[in-house]
Amino acid sequence: MIIDAKILLCYNAPVSIYQVYTGKPKEHDCGVCDMSESGFVNELDRLAASLKKYFSRVETLAVSKNIGESIRKITAMNPDAIFNLVESVEGNATFEAFHAGIFDLLDIPYTGNSPQALGNCLNKAFAKQILRAHGIKTPGSLTFTSHTHLSQKKFSLQFPVITKLAKEDASIGISEHSVVSSFENLRKQIKFLTSTYNQDVIVEEYIAGREFNIAVLGNRALPISEIDFSGLPDHLPKIVTYEGKWISESLYYKHTNPKCPAKLSEYLRKNIETAALTTFNAMECRDYARVDIRLDKNNIPYVIEVNPNPDISTDSGFARAAKASGLHYEEMLFKIINLALHRGKRDTQIKAG
């Protein structure tokens, strides 16, 4: 049965703002195109076609920094709900939350997370503060700017450590050079990242154990995925890099293999699921998100990343987990948009009351 409703797919046209995305010097880089965004645009037709199986009208709109134009177009289209696929605006990930705020101001229900959740999760240092306040384990960390004096005497973390951009997602800036085992190499990596990406760097204690992705849909955890690094050469750190996610010809891509469902004891599965759902609630996520977890040597889960509105393309980890739970791709999309539609109806009833 086709539902009489208009769904608007809002997305951002891909724009490359960095000279390097892989987290390595440019001579080793494969180009300046951000594959994390350009790849998803190729999925739009498939996504729209999937939703047309359920809804009478499905339209698409690319948003930009021209807020007035976006508002005029959205208002003219007058959708019943927005499928929010905006991940950045003109390459800037911090603007992702702003467009969700516009949808709120227009009083149009939309899929996924609120501006607050999107902003809090993007800011890795602040996200860690929230997690720790809720008693959720996350690796010890310090944040550095380009002007921070890096003092070995005051450095309180245990090596090895991993360096990440403080306000980026999609593994931008993550490479085999991100895990460092000496103070001198740390100094070099922080200098490279701050100068290349013009933003702060968060340094975390590196948890060397197994890595898991937990997709959360609605209020339940989908089957857990484990990242299999066994094919990587011994000298490379076992991490998910930008190349491993997006560059198909890279060594990391070929040997960073998700296994879903993961082989886990019932005890570990419950512990990991509990950590993921507690994190989902602590960060005030809604509809769907992905929580990345590593186990330490004692099999204690540590949250290393919270990703609201994660990639939901056909070959994404989220879609893989949904399939393992028994949901076909179209059914997964329908469930996500349905959560927004029901939220819109509930809000309307509250206002009427």
C-alpha atoms as a PDB file:
ATOM      1  CA  MET A   1       0.000   0.000   0.000  1.00  0.00           C
ATOM      2  CA  ILE A   2       1.325   3.438  -1.006  1.00  0.00           C
ATOM      3  CA  ILE A   3       1.073   6.092   1.717  1.00  0.00           C
ATOM      4  CA  ASP A   4      -0.185   9.491   0.546  1.00  0.00           C
ATOM      5  CA  ALA A   5       2.698  11.628   1.807  1.00  0.00           C
ATOM      6  CA  LYS A   6       5.491  13.756   0.378  1.00  0.00           C
ATOM      7  CA  ILE A   7       9.014  12.874   1.509  1.00  0.00           C
ATOM      8  CA  LEU A   8      11.873  15.278   0.806  1.00  0.00           C
ATOM      9  CA  LEU A   9      15.421  13.911   0.688  1.00  0.00           C
ATOM     10  CA  CYS A  10      17.715  16.735   1.804  1.00  0.00           C
ATOM     11  CA  TYR A  11      21.417  16.226   1.170  1.00  0.00           C
ATOM     12  CA  ASN A  12      24.562  18.277   0.675  1.00  0.00           C
ATOM     13  CA  ALA A  13      26.365  18.503  -2.634  1.00  0.00           C
ATOM     14  CA  PRO A  14      29.903  17.188  -2.066  1.00  0.00           C
ATOM     15  CA  VAL A  15      32.558  19.886  -1.740  1.00  0.00           C
ATOM     16  CA  SER A  16      36.232  19.218  -1.024  1.00  0.00           C
ATOM     17  CA  ILE A  17      37.777  21.728   1.391  1.00  0.00           C
ATOM     18  CA  TYR A  18      41.004  19.888   2.293  1.00  0.00           C
ATOM     19  CA  GLN A  19      44.006  19.138   0.117  1.00  0.00           C
ATOM     20  CA  VAL A  20      44.355  15.790   1.892  1.00  0.00           C
ATOM     21  CA  TYR A  21      41.655  13.516   3.338  1.00  0.00           C
ATOM     22  CA  THR A  22      43.589  10.353   4.107  1.00  0.00           C
ATOM     23  CA  GLY A  23      45.632  11.816   6.957  1.00  0.00           C
ATOM     24  CA  LYS A  24      48.916  11.382   5.071  1.00  0.00           C
ATOM     25  CA  PRO A  25      51.201  13.830   3.238  1.00  0.00           C
ATOM     26  CA  LYS A  26      49.830  14.796  -0.149  1.00  0.00           C
ATOM     27  CA  GLU A  27      52.364  12.817  -2.174  1.00  0.00           C
ATOM     28  CA  HIS A  28      50.790   9.675  -0.704  1.00  0.00           C
ATOM     29  CA  ASP A  29      47.233  10.915  -1.147  1.00  0.00           C
ATOM     30  CA  CYS A  30      44.958   9.647  -3.912  1.00  0.00           C
ATOM     31  CA  GLY A  31      43.334  12.992  -4.612  1.00  0.00           C
ATOM     32  CA  VAL A  32      41.495  15.882  -3.041  1.00  0.00           C
ATOM     33  CA  CYS A  33      37.960  14.564  -3.465  1.00  0.00           C
ATOM     34  CA  ASP A  34      36.157  13.603  -0.264  1.00  0.00           C
ATOM     35  CA  MET A  35      35.009  10.088  -1.106  1.00  0.00           C
ATOM     36  CA  SER A  36      32.907   9.864   2.066  1.00  0.00           C
ATOM     37  CA  GLU A  37      30.459  12.396   0.572  1.00  0.00           C
ATOM     38  CA  SER A  38      30.798  11.957  -3.184  1.00  0.00           C
ATOM     39  CA  GLY A  39      30.152   8.234  -2.901  1.00  0.00           C
ATOM     40  CA  PHE A  40      26.844   8.706  -1.142  1.00  0.00           C
ATOM     41  CA  VAL A  41      25.449  11.079  -3.778  1.00  0.00           C
ATOM     42  CA  ASN A  42      25.636   8.144  -6.190  1.00  0.00           C
ATOM     43  CA  GLU A  43      23.207   6.308  -3.890  1.00  0.00           C
ATOM     44  CA  LEU A  44      20.506   8.997  -3.961  1.00  0.00           C
ATOM     45  CA  ASP A  45      18.574   7.534  -6.882  1.00  0.00           C
ATOM     46  CA  ARG A  46      18.517   4.115  -5.217  1.00  0.00           C
ATOM     47  CA  LEU A  47      17.354   5.623  -1.934  1.00  0.00           C
ATOM     48  CA  ALA A  48      14.620   7.686  -3.605  1.00  0.00           C
ATOM     49  CA  ALA A  49      13.434   4.668  -5.597  1.00  0.00           C
ATOM     50  CA  SER A  50      13.249   2.622  -2.402  1.00  0.00           C
ATOM     51  CA  LEU A  51      11.069   5.217  -0.675  1.00  0.00           C
ATOM     52  CA  LYS A  52       8.768   5.492  -3.710  1.00  0.00           C
ATOM     53  CA  LYS A  53       7.675   1.936  -2.961  1.00  0.00           C
ATOM     54  CA  TYR A  54       6.016   3.287   0.193  1.00  0.00           C
ATOM     55  CA  PHE A  55       5.177   6.958  -0.441  1.00  0.00           C
ATOM     56  CA  SER A  56       3.257   8.721  -3.204  1.00  0.00           C
ATOM     57  CA  ARG A  57       5.779  11.568  -3.666  1.00  0.00           C
ATOM     58  CA  VAL A  58       9.523  11.607  -3.112  1.00  0.00           C
ATOM     59  CA  GLU A  59      11.667  14.615  -4.040  1.00  0.00           C
ATOM     60  CA  THR A  60      15.314  15.590  -3.508  1.00  0.00           C
ATOM     61  CA  LEU A  61      17.001  18.869  -2.587  1.00  0.00           C
ATOM     62  CA  ALA A  62      20.689  19.749  -2.313  1.00  0.00           C
ATOM     63  CA  VAL A  63      21.240  22.339   0.420  1.00  0.00           C
ATOM     64  CA  SER A  64      23.991  24.943   0.667  1.00  0.00           C
ATOM     65  CA  LYS A  65      25.115  27.856   2.839  1.00  0.00           C
ATOM     66  CA  ASN A  66      22.416  29.950   1.180  1.00  0.00           C
ATOM     67  CA  ILE A  67      19.958  29.426   4.019  1.00  0.00           C
ATOM     68  CA  GLY A  68      17.301  31.709   2.549  1.00  0.00           C
ATOM     69  CA  GLU A  69      17.224  29.749  -0.690  1.00  0.00           C
ATOM     70  CA  SER A  70      17.013  26.421   1.165  1.00  0.00           C
ATOM     71  CA  ILE A  71      14.145  27.687   3.313  1.00  0.00           C
ATOM     72  CA  ARG A  72      12.235  28.995   0.281  1.00  0.00           C
ATOM     73  CA  LYS A  73      12.605  25.715  -1.586  1.00  0.00           C
ATOM     74  CA  ILE A  74      11.660  23.552   1.392  1.00  0.00           C
ATOM     75  CA  THR A  75       8.645  25.745   2.151  1.00  0.00           C
ATOM     76  CA  ALA A  76       7.510  25.588  -1.485  1.00  0.00           C
ATOM     77  CA  MET A  77       7.833  21.807  -1.539  1.00  0.00           C
ATOM     78  CA  ASN A  78       5.890  21.553   1.742  1.00  0.00           C
ATOM     79  CA  PRO A  79       6.937  17.981   2.608  1.00  0.00           C
ATOM     80  CA  ASP A  80       5.258  15.831   5.236  1.00  0.00           C
ATOM     81  CA  ALA A  81       8.712  14.776   6.426  1.00  0.00           C
ATOM     82  CA  ILE A  82      12.359  15.297   5.536  1.00  0.00           C
ATOM     83  CA  PHE A  83      14.828  12.455   5.177  1.00  0.00           C
ATOM     84  CA  ASN A  84      17.872  14.287   6.513  1.00  0.00           C
ATOM     85  CA  LEU A  85      21.015  13.217   4.660  1.00  0.00           C
ATOM     86  CA  VAL A  86      22.947  16.447   5.249  1.00  0.00           C
ATOM     87  CA  GLU A  87      26.420  15.532   6.542  1.00  0.00           C
ATOM     88  CA  SER A  88      28.123  18.892   6.048  1.00  0.00           C
ATOM     89  CA  VAL A  89      27.600  22.156   4.210  1.00  0.00           C
ATOM     90  CA  GLU A  90      30.215  23.099   1.626  1.00  0.00           C
ATOM     91  CA  GLY A  91      32.538  20.569   3.250  1.00  0.00           C
ATOM     92  CA  ASN A  92      32.192  21.876   6.805  1.00  0.00           C
ATOM     93  CA  ALA A  93      30.905  19.151   9.149  1.00  0.00           C
ATOM     94  CA  THR A  94      30.021  21.623  11.921  1.00  0.00           C
ATOM     95  CA  PHE A  95      27.182  22.950   9.737  1.00  0.00           C
ATOM     96  CA  GLU A  96      25.446  19.551   9.781  1.00  0.00           C
ATOM     97  CA  ALA A  97      23.682  20.436  13.026  1.00  0.00           C
ATOM     98  CA  PHE A  98      22.615  23.856  11.744  1.00  0.00           C
ATOM     99  CA  HIS A  99      20.438  22.422   8.989  1.00  0.00           C
ATOM    100  CA  ALA A 100      18.685  20.124  11.445  1.00  0.00           C
ATOM    101  CA  GLY A 101      17.933  23.295  13.412  1.00  0.00           C
ATOM    102  CA  ILE A 102      16.387  24.851  10.306  1.00  0.00           C
ATOM    103  CA  PHE A 103      14.088  21.852   9.922  1.00  0.00           C
ATOM    104  CA  ASP A 104      13.073  22.330  13.559  1.00  0.00           C
ATOM    105  CA  LEU A 105      12.344  26.026  12.999  1.00  0.00           C
ATOM    106  CA  LEU A 106      10.246  25.155   9.947  1.00  0.00           C
ATOM    107  CA  ASP A 107       8.340  22.691  12.142  1.00  0.00           C
ATOM    108  CA  ILE A 108       8.846  19.842   9.677  1.00  0.00           C
ATOM    109  CA  PRO A 109       9.566  16.375  11.108  1.00  0.00           C
ATOM    110  CA  TYR A 110      12.875  14.942   9.926  1.00  0.00           C
ATOM    111  CA  THR A 111      14.796  11.731  10.306  1.00  0.00           C
ATOM    112  CA  GLY A 112      17.651  11.200  12.651  1.00  0.00           C
ATOM    113  CA  ASN A 113      19.227  13.210  15.373  1.00  0.00           C
ATOM    114  CA  SER A 114      18.590  16.645  16.825  1.00  0.00           C
ATOM    115  CA  PRO A 115      20.988  19.592  16.401  1.00  0.00           C
ATOM    116  CA  GLN A 116      22.152  19.111  19.979  1.00  0.00           C
ATOM    117  CA  ALA A 117      22.999  15.427  19.517  1.00  0.00           C
ATOM    118  CA  LEU A 118      24.719  16.058  16.179  1.00  0.00           C
ATOM    119  CA  GLY A 119      26.860  18.849  17.618  1.00  0.00           C
ATOM    120  CA  ASN A 120      27.726  17.009  20.818  1.00  0.00           C
ATOM    121  CA  CYS A 121      28.816  13.863  18.985  1.00  0.00           C
ATOM    122  CA  LEU A 122      30.907  15.770  16.436  1.00  0.00           C
ATOM    123  CA  ASN A 123      32.870  17.490  19.210  1.00  0.00           C
ATOM    124  CA  LYS A 124      34.876  14.490  20.356  1.00  0.00           C
ATOM    125  CA  ALA A 125      36.236  16.088  23.532  1.00  0.00           C
ATOM    126  CA  PHE A 126      32.781  17.203  24.671  1.00  0.00           C
ATOM    127  CA  ALA A 127      31.282  13.830  23.758  1.00  0.00           C
ATOM    128  CA  LYS A 128      33.828  12.185  26.043  1.00  0.00           C
ATOM    129  CA  GLN A 129      32.851  14.504  28.891  1.00  0.00           C
ATOM    130  CA  ILE A 130      29.219  13.445  28.496  1.00  0.00           C
ATOM    131  CA  LEU A 131      30.140   9.756  28.364  1.00  0.00           C
ATOM    132  CA  ARG A 132      32.308   9.998  31.477  1.00  0.00           C
ATOM    133  CA  ALA A 133      29.568  11.893  33.323  1.00  0.00           C
ATOM    134  CA  HIS A 134      27.293   8.894  32.671  1.00  0.00           C
ATOM    135  CA  GLY A 135      29.895   6.393  33.847  1.00  0.00           C
ATOM    136  CA  ILE A 136      30.597   5.101  30.334  1.00  0.00           C
ATOM    137  CA  LYS A 137      34.160   3.992  29.702  1.00  0.00           C
ATOM    138  CA  THR A 138      36.043   5.834  26.961  1.00  0.00           C
ATOM    139  CA  PRO A 139      39.817   6.070  26.412  1.00  0.00           C
ATOM    140  CA  GLY A 140      41.761   8.733  28.267  1.00  0.00           C
ATOM    141  CA  SER A 141      42.378  11.781  26.106  1.00  0.00           C
ATOM    142  CA  LEU A 142      43.897  15.235  25.725  1.00  0.00           C
ATOM    143  CA  THR A 143      43.103  17.969  23.200  1.00  0.00           C
ATOM    144  CA  PHE A 144      45.767  20.026  21.431  1.00  0.00           C
ATOM    145  CA  THR A 145      45.651  23.142  19.277  1.00  0.00           C
ATOM    146  CA  SER A 146      48.308  24.396  16.890  1.00  0.00           C
ATOM    147  CA  HIS A 147      49.450  26.752  19.675  1.00  0.00           C
ATOM    148  CA  THR A 148      49.553  24.204  22.509  1.00  0.00           C
ATOM    149  CA  HIS A 149      52.986  23.659  23.999  1.00  0.00           C
ATOM    150  CA  LEU A 150      53.435  19.899  24.065  1.00  0.00           C
ATOM    151  CA  SER A 151      55.234  19.133  27.309  1.00  0.00           C
ATOM    152  CA  GLN A 152      56.548  15.616  27.852  1.00  0.00           C
ATOM    153  CA  LYS A 153      56.562  16.127  31.623  1.00  0.00           C
ATOM    154  CA  LYS A 154      52.874  17.083  31.659  1.00  0.00           C
ATOM    155  CA  PHE A 155      51.763  14.460  29.139  1.00  0.00           C
ATOM    156  CA  SER A 156      49.590  12.119  31.206  1.00  0.00           C
ATOM    157  CA  LEU A 157      48.544   9.486  28.654  1.00  0.00           C
ATOM    158  CA  GLN A 158      50.065   6.048  28.168  1.00  0.00           C
ATOM    159  CA  PHE A 159      51.623   5.186  24.796  1.00  0.00           C
ATOM    160  CA  PRO A 160      50.636   4.053  22.247  1.00  0.00           C
ATOM    161  CA  VAL A 161      48.106   6.781  21.502  1.00  0.00           C
ATOM    162  CA  ILE A 162      45.918   7.565  18.506  1.00  0.00           C
ATOM    163  CA  THR A 163      45.482  11.039  17.014  1.00  0.00           C
ATOM    164  CA  LYS A 164      42.152  12.224  15.587  1.00  0.00           C
ATOM    165  CA  LEU A 165      40.739  15.481  14.306  1.00  0.00           C
ATOM    166  CA  ALA A 166      38.631  16.925  17.105  1.00  0.00           C
ATOM    167  CA  LYS A 167      35.613  17.836  14.962  1.00  0.00           C
ATOM    168  CA  GLU A 168      35.489  15.534  11.954  1.00  0.00           C
ATOM    169  CA  ASP A 169      33.806  12.263  11.106  1.00  0.00           C
ATOM    170  CA  ALA A 170      34.014   9.640   8.322  1.00  0.00           C
ATOM    171  CA  SER A 171      37.589   8.852   9.495  1.00  0.00           C
ATOM    172  CA  ILE A 172      38.920  11.979   7.775  1.00  0.00           C
ATOM    173  CA  GLY A 173      42.558  12.388   8.802  1.00  0.00           C
ATOM    174  CA  ILE A 174      42.941   8.813  10.088  1.00  0.00           C
ATOM    175  CA  SER A 175      45.808   6.777   8.611  1.00  0.00           C
ATOM    176  CA  GLU A 176      48.453   4.259   9.658  1.00  0.00           C
ATOM    177  CA  HIS A 177      50.384   7.260  10.995  1.00  0.00           C
ATOM    178  CA  SER A 178      47.616   8.032  13.493  1.00  0.00           C
ATOM    179  CA  VAL A 179      48.822   5.492  16.070  1.00  0.00           C
ATOM    180  CA  VAL A 180      52.093   6.687  17.592  1.00  0.00           C
ATOM    181  CA  SER A 181      54.327   5.157  20.235  1.00  0.00           C
ATOM    182  CA  SER A 182      56.764   7.954  21.021  1.00  0.00           C
ATOM    183  CA  PHE A 183      56.574  11.549  22.126  1.00  0.00           C
ATOM    184  CA  GLU A 184      58.586  12.762  19.144  1.00  0.00           C
ATOM    185  CA  ASN A 185      56.293  11.049  16.620  1.00  0.00           C
ATOM    186  CA  LEU A 186      53.290  12.423  18.477  1.00  0.00           C
ATOM    187  CA  ARG A 187      54.667  15.930  18.163  1.00  0.00           C
ATOM    188  CA  LYS A 188      55.141  15.451  14.395  1.00  0.00           C
ATOM    189  CA  GLN A 189      51.647  14.012  13.906  1.00  0.00           C
ATOM    190  CA  ILE A 190      49.925  16.801  15.845  1.00  0.00           C
ATOM    191  CA  LYS A 191      51.840  19.397  13.827  1.00  0.00           C
ATOM    192  CA  PHE A 192      50.857  17.703  10.556  1.00  0.00           C
ATOM    193  CA  LEU A 193      47.162  17.449  11.467  1.00  0.00           C
ATOM    194  CA  THR A 194      46.763  20.971  12.859  1.00  0.00           C
ATOM    195  CA  SER A 195      48.546  22.546   9.886  1.00  0.00           C
ATOM    196  CA  THR A 196      46.791  20.416   7.259  1.00  0.00           C
ATOM    197  CA  TYR A 197      43.237  20.583   8.610  1.00  0.00           C
ATOM    198  CA  ASN A 198      43.360  23.824  10.609  1.00  0.00           C
ATOM    199  CA  GLN A 199      41.598  22.360  13.619  1.00  0.00           C
ATOM    200  CA  ASP A 200      42.292  20.898  17.031  1.00  0.00           C
ATOM    201  CA  VAL A 201      43.538  17.352  17.533  1.00  0.00           C
ATOM    202  CA  ILE A 202      42.335  14.927  20.179  1.00  0.00           C
ATOM    203  CA  VAL A 203      44.864  12.366  21.396  1.00  0.00           C
ATOM    204  CA  GLU A 204      43.497   9.166  22.948  1.00  0.00           C
ATOM    205  CA  GLU A 205      45.065   6.198  24.625  1.00  0.00           C
ATOM    206  CA  TYR A 206      44.979   3.437  22.033  1.00  0.00           C
ATOM    207  CA  ILE A 207      42.881   0.393  22.938  1.00  0.00           C
ATOM    208  CA  ALA A 208      44.538  -2.476  21.081  1.00  0.00           C
ATOM    209  CA  GLY A 209      41.745  -5.069  21.337  1.00  0.00           C
ATOM    210  CA  ARG A 210      38.856  -6.155  19.122  1.00  0.00           C
ATOM    211  CA  GLU A 211      36.742  -3.448  17.448  1.00  0.00           C
ATOM    212  CA  PHE A 212      32.968  -3.528  17.062  1.00  0.00           C
ATOM    213  CA  ASN A 213      30.309  -1.390  15.395  1.00  0.00           C
ATOM    214  CA  ILE A 214      26.873  -1.375  16.980  1.00  0.00           C
ATOM    215  CA  ALA A 215      24.052  -0.003  14.853  1.00  0.00           C
ATOM    216  CA  VAL A 216      21.101   1.258  16.880  1.00  0.00           C
ATOM    217  CA  LEU A 217      17.724   1.587  15.157  1.00  0.00           C
ATOM    218  CA  GLY A 218      14.843   3.041  17.135  1.00  0.00           C
ATOM    219  CA  ASN A 219      15.585   1.858  20.636  1.00  0.00           C
ATOM    220  CA  ARG A 220      17.239  -1.474  19.897  1.00  0.00           C
ATOM    221  CA  ALA A 221      20.707  -2.634  18.961  1.00  0.00           C
ATOM    222  CA  LEU A 222      21.015  -4.482  15.665  1.00  0.00           C
ATOM    223  CA  PRO A 223      23.372  -7.471  15.313  1.00  0.00           C
ATOM    224  CA  ILE A 224      26.917  -6.460  16.237  1.00  0.00           C
ATOM    225  CA  SER A 225      29.608  -6.149  13.553  1.00  0.00           C
ATOM    226  CA  GLU A 226      33.272  -6.879  14.225  1.00  0.00           C
ATOM    227  CA  ILE A 227      36.064  -5.384  12.142  1.00  0.00           C
ATOM    228  CA  ASP A 228      38.433  -8.146  11.025  1.00  0.00           C
ATOM    229  CA  PHE A 229      41.970  -6.776  10.662  1.00  0.00           C
ATOM    230  CA  SER A 230      43.642 -10.187  10.347  1.00  0.00           C
ATOM    231  CA  GLY A 231      44.678  -9.617   6.719  1.00  0.00           C
ATOM    232  CA  LEU A 232      46.685  -6.481   7.491  1.00  0.00           C
ATOM    233  CA  PRO A 233      50.490  -6.747   7.654  1.00  0.00           C
ATOM    234  CA  ASP A 234      51.839  -6.914  11.201  1.00  0.00           C
ATOM    235  CA  HIS A 235      53.535  -3.512  11.003  1.00  0.00           C
ATOM    236  CA  LEU A 236      50.271  -1.644  10.329  1.00  0.00           C
ATOM    237  CA  PRO A 237      48.031  -0.562  13.237  1.00  0.00           C
ATOM    238  CA  LYS A 238      44.703  -2.366  13.366  1.00  0.00           C
ATOM    239  CA  ILE A 239      42.412   0.635  12.965  1.00  0.00           C
ATOM    240  CA  VAL A 240      39.697   1.858  10.589  1.00  0.00           C
ATOM    241  CA  THR A 241      41.368   4.483   8.405  1.00  0.00           C
ATOM    242  CA  TYR A 242      39.942   6.869   5.812  1.00  0.00           C
ATOM    243  CA  GLU A 243      41.412   4.639   3.111  1.00  0.00           C
ATOM    244  CA  GLY A 244      39.904   1.591   4.782  1.00  0.00           C
ATOM    245  CA  LYS A 245      36.436   3.110   4.520  1.00  0.00           C
ATOM    246  CA  TRP A 246      36.513   4.848   1.169  1.00  0.00           C
ATOM    247  CA  ILE A 247      39.499   3.983  -1.089  1.00  0.00           C
ATOM    248  CA  SER A 248      38.737   0.588  -2.643  1.00  0.00           C
ATOM    249  CA  GLU A 249      42.213   0.030  -4.105  1.00  0.00           C
ATOM    250  CA  SER A 250      43.976   0.637  -0.780  1.00  0.00           C
ATOM    251  CA  LEU A 251      45.539  -2.054   1.391  1.00  0.00           C
ATOM    252  CA  TYR A 252      43.399  -1.007   4.356  1.00  0.00           C
ATOM    253  CA  TYR A 253      40.165  -1.229   2.349  1.00  0.00           C
ATOM    254  CA  LYS A 254      41.009  -4.729   1.152  1.00  0.00           C
ATOM    255  CA  HIS A 255      41.892  -5.983   4.633  1.00  0.00           C
ATOM    256  CA  THR A 256      39.428  -4.132   6.870  1.00  0.00           C
ATOM    257  CA  ASN A 257      36.534  -6.559   6.723  1.00  0.00           C
ATOM    258  CA  PRO A 258      33.341  -6.290   8.768  1.00  0.00           C
ATOM    259  CA  LYS A 259      31.853  -9.534  10.068  1.00  0.00           C
ATOM    260  CA  CYS A 260      28.172  -9.409  10.974  1.00  0.00           C
ATOM    261  CA  PRO A 261      26.961 -10.877  13.193  1.00  0.00           C
ATOM    262  CA  ALA A 262      30.148 -10.985  15.243  1.00  0.00           C
ATOM    263  CA  LYS A 263      31.179 -14.181  16.999  1.00  0.00           C
ATOM    264  CA  LEU A 264      30.744 -13.352  20.679  1.00  0.00           C
ATOM    265  CA  SER A 265      29.863 -15.082  23.897  1.00  0.00           C
ATOM    266  CA  GLU A 266      26.446 -14.161  25.238  1.00  0.00           C
ATOM    267  CA  TYR A 267      28.135 -12.362  28.134  1.00  0.00           C
ATOM    268  CA  LEU A 268      30.262 -10.165  25.856  1.00  0.00           C
ATOM    269  CA  ARG A 269      27.387  -9.522  23.469  1.00  0.00           C
ATOM    270  CA  LYS A 270      25.193  -8.234  26.292  1.00  0.00           C
ATOM    271  CA  ASN A 271      27.992  -6.079  27.695  1.00  0.00           C
ATOM    272  CA  ILE A 272      28.680  -4.499  24.309  1.00  0.00           C
ATOM    273  CA  GLU A 273      24.986  -3.939  23.562  1.00  0.00           C
ATOM    274  CA  THR A 274      24.446  -2.391  26.995  1.00  0.00           C
ATOM    275  CA  ALA A 275      27.392  -0.029  26.487  1.00  0.00           C
ATOM    276  CA  ALA A 276      26.075   0.971  23.054  1.00  0.00           C
ATOM    277  CA  LEU A 277      22.494   1.592  24.173  1.00  0.00           C
ATOM    278  CA  THR A 278      23.630   3.472  27.279  1.00  0.00           C
ATOM    279  CA  THR A 279      25.801   5.633  25.016  1.00  0.00           C
ATOM    280  CA  PHE A 280      22.916   6.190  22.574  1.00  0.00           C
ATOM    281  CA  ASN A 281      20.761   7.480  25.423  1.00  0.00           C
ATOM    282  CA  ALA A 282      23.516   9.490  27.131  1.00  0.00           C
ATOM    283  CA  MET A 283      24.216  11.390  23.900  1.00  0.00           C
ATOM    284  CA  GLU A 284      20.445  11.912  23.439  1.00  0.00           C
ATOM    285  CA  CYS A 285      20.472  10.188  20.072  1.00  0.00           C
ATOM    286  CA  ARG A 286      17.245   9.221  18.351  1.00  0.00           C
ATOM    287  CA  ASP A 287      16.057   7.169  15.370  1.00  0.00           C
ATOM    288  CA  TYR A 288      19.432   5.733  14.361  1.00  0.00           C
ATOM    289  CA  ALA A 289      23.121   5.939  15.209  1.00  0.00           C
ATOM    290  CA  ARG A 290      26.262   3.827  15.305  1.00  0.00           C
ATOM    291  CA  VAL A 291      28.469   3.308  18.344  1.00  0.00           C
ATOM    292  CA  ASP A 292      32.049   2.109  17.861  1.00  0.00           C
ATOM    293  CA  ILE A 293      33.573   0.107  20.704  1.00  0.00           C
ATOM    294  CA  ARG A 294      36.906  -1.558  21.428  1.00  0.00           C
ATOM    295  CA  LEU A 295      37.614  -4.185  24.061  1.00  0.00           C
ATOM    296  CA  ASP A 296      40.664  -3.827  26.283  1.00  0.00           C
ATOM    297  CA  LYS A 297      42.831  -6.764  27.385  1.00  0.00           C
ATOM    298  CA  ASN A 298      40.241  -7.598  30.066  1.00  0.00           C
ATOM    299  CA  ASN A 299      37.358  -7.546  27.541  1.00  0.00           C
ATOM    300  CA  ILE A 300      35.972  -4.321  29.001  1.00  0.00           C
ATOM    301  CA  PRO A 301      34.123  -2.229  26.361  1.00  0.00           C
ATOM    302  CA  TYR A 302      35.454   1.273  25.660  1.00  0.00           C
ATOM    303  CA  VAL A 303      33.433   3.655  23.485  1.00  0.00           C
ATOM    304  CA  ILE A 304      35.750   5.206  20.894  1.00  0.00           C
ATOM    305  CA  GLU A 305      33.203   6.962  18.659  1.00  0.00           C
ATOM    306  CA  VAL A 306      29.525   7.908  18.501  1.00  0.00           C
ATOM    307  CA  ASN A 307      28.167   8.486  15.003  1.00  0.00           C
ATOM    308  CA  PRO A 308      24.654   9.957  14.770  1.00  0.00           C
ATOM    309  CA  ASN A 309      23.051   9.772  11.310  1.00  0.00           C
ATOM    310  CA  PRO A 310      25.690   7.300  10.063  1.00  0.00           C
ATOM    311  CA  ASP A 311      26.127   6.210   6.461  1.00  0.00           C
ATOM    312  CA  ILE A 312      23.077   4.216   5.325  1.00  0.00           C
ATOM    313  CA  SER A 313      24.054   3.510   1.731  1.00  0.00           C
ATOM    314  CA  THR A 314      23.396   0.013   0.421  1.00  0.00           C
ATOM    315  CA  ASP A 315      26.891  -1.277   1.223  1.00  0.00           C
ATOM    316  CA  SER A 316      27.178   0.468   4.602  1.00  0.00           C
ATOM    317  CA  GLY A 317      27.741  -1.286   7.888  1.00  0.00           C
ATOM    318  CA  PHE A 318      24.373  -0.026   9.100  1.00  0.00           C
ATOM    319  CA  ALA A 319      22.547  -1.625   6.167  1.00  0.00           C
ATOM    320  CA  ARG A 320      24.520  -4.832   6.734  1.00  0.00           C
ATOM    321  CA  ALA A 321      23.457  -4.960  10.388  1.00  0.00           C
ATOM    322  CA  ALA A 322      19.836  -4.277   9.439  1.00  0.00           C
ATOM    323  CA  LYS A 323      19.946  -7.144   6.943  1.00  0.00           C
ATOM    324  CA  ALA A 324      21.374  -9.448   9.611  1.00  0.00           C
ATOM    325  CA  SER A 325      18.393  -8.531  11.804  1.00  0.00           C
ATOM    326  CA  GLY A 326      15.962  -9.523   9.036  1.00  0.00           C
ATOM    327  CA  LEU A 327      15.271  -6.055   7.620  1.00  0.00           C
ATOM    328  CA  HIS A 328      15.629  -5.554   3.878  1.00  0.00           C
ATOM    329  CA  TYR A 329      17.163  -2.250   2.780  1.00  0.00           C
ATOM    330  CA  GLU A 330      13.816  -0.707   1.807  1.00  0.00           C
ATOM    331  CA  GLU A 331      12.294  -1.796   5.118  1.00  0.00           C
ATOM    332  CA  MET A 332      15.156  -0.181   7.025  1.00  0.00           C
ATOM    333  CA  LEU A 333      14.608   3.134   5.224  1.00  0.00           C
ATOM    334  CA  PHE A 334      10.861   2.927   5.810  1.00  0.00           C
ATOM    335  CA  LYS A 335      11.384   2.358   9.520  1.00  0.00           C
ATOM    336  CA  ILE A 336      13.679   5.389   9.772  1.00  0.00           C
ATOM    337  CA  ILE A 337      11.283   7.757   7.970  1.00  0.00           C
ATOM    338  CA  ASN A 338       8.334   6.314   9.869  1.00  0.00           C
ATOM    339  CA  LEU A 339       9.978   7.274  13.162  1.00  0.00           C
ATOM    340  CA  ALA A 340      10.071  10.884  11.950  1.00  0.00           C
ATOM    341  CA  LEU A 341       6.466  10.819  10.723  1.00  0.00           C
ATOM    342  CA  HIS A 342       5.203   9.454  14.034  1.00  0.00           C
ATOM    343  CA  ARG A 343       7.243  12.030  15.947  1.00  0.00           C
ATOM    344  CA  GLY A 344       5.640  14.762  13.823  1.00  0.00           C
ATOM    345  CA  LYS A 345       2.153  13.458  14.581  1.00  0.00           C
ATOM    346  CA  ARG A 346       2.955  13.262  18.293  1.00  0.00           C
ATOM    347  CA  ASP A 347       4.275  16.836  18.340  1.00  0.00           C
ATOM    348  CA  THR A 348       1.144  18.039  16.529  1.00  0.00           C
ATOM    349  CA  GLN A 349      -1.059  16.326  19.101  1.00  0.00           C
ATOM    350  CA  ILE A 350       0.901  17.901  21.959  1.00  0.00           C
ATOM    351  CA  LYS A 351       0.515  21.385  20.436  1.00  0.00           C
ATOM    352  CA  ALA A 352      -3.191  20.818  19.839  1.00  0.00           C
ATOM    353  CA  GLY A 353      -3.615  19.673  23.420  1.00  0.00           C
END
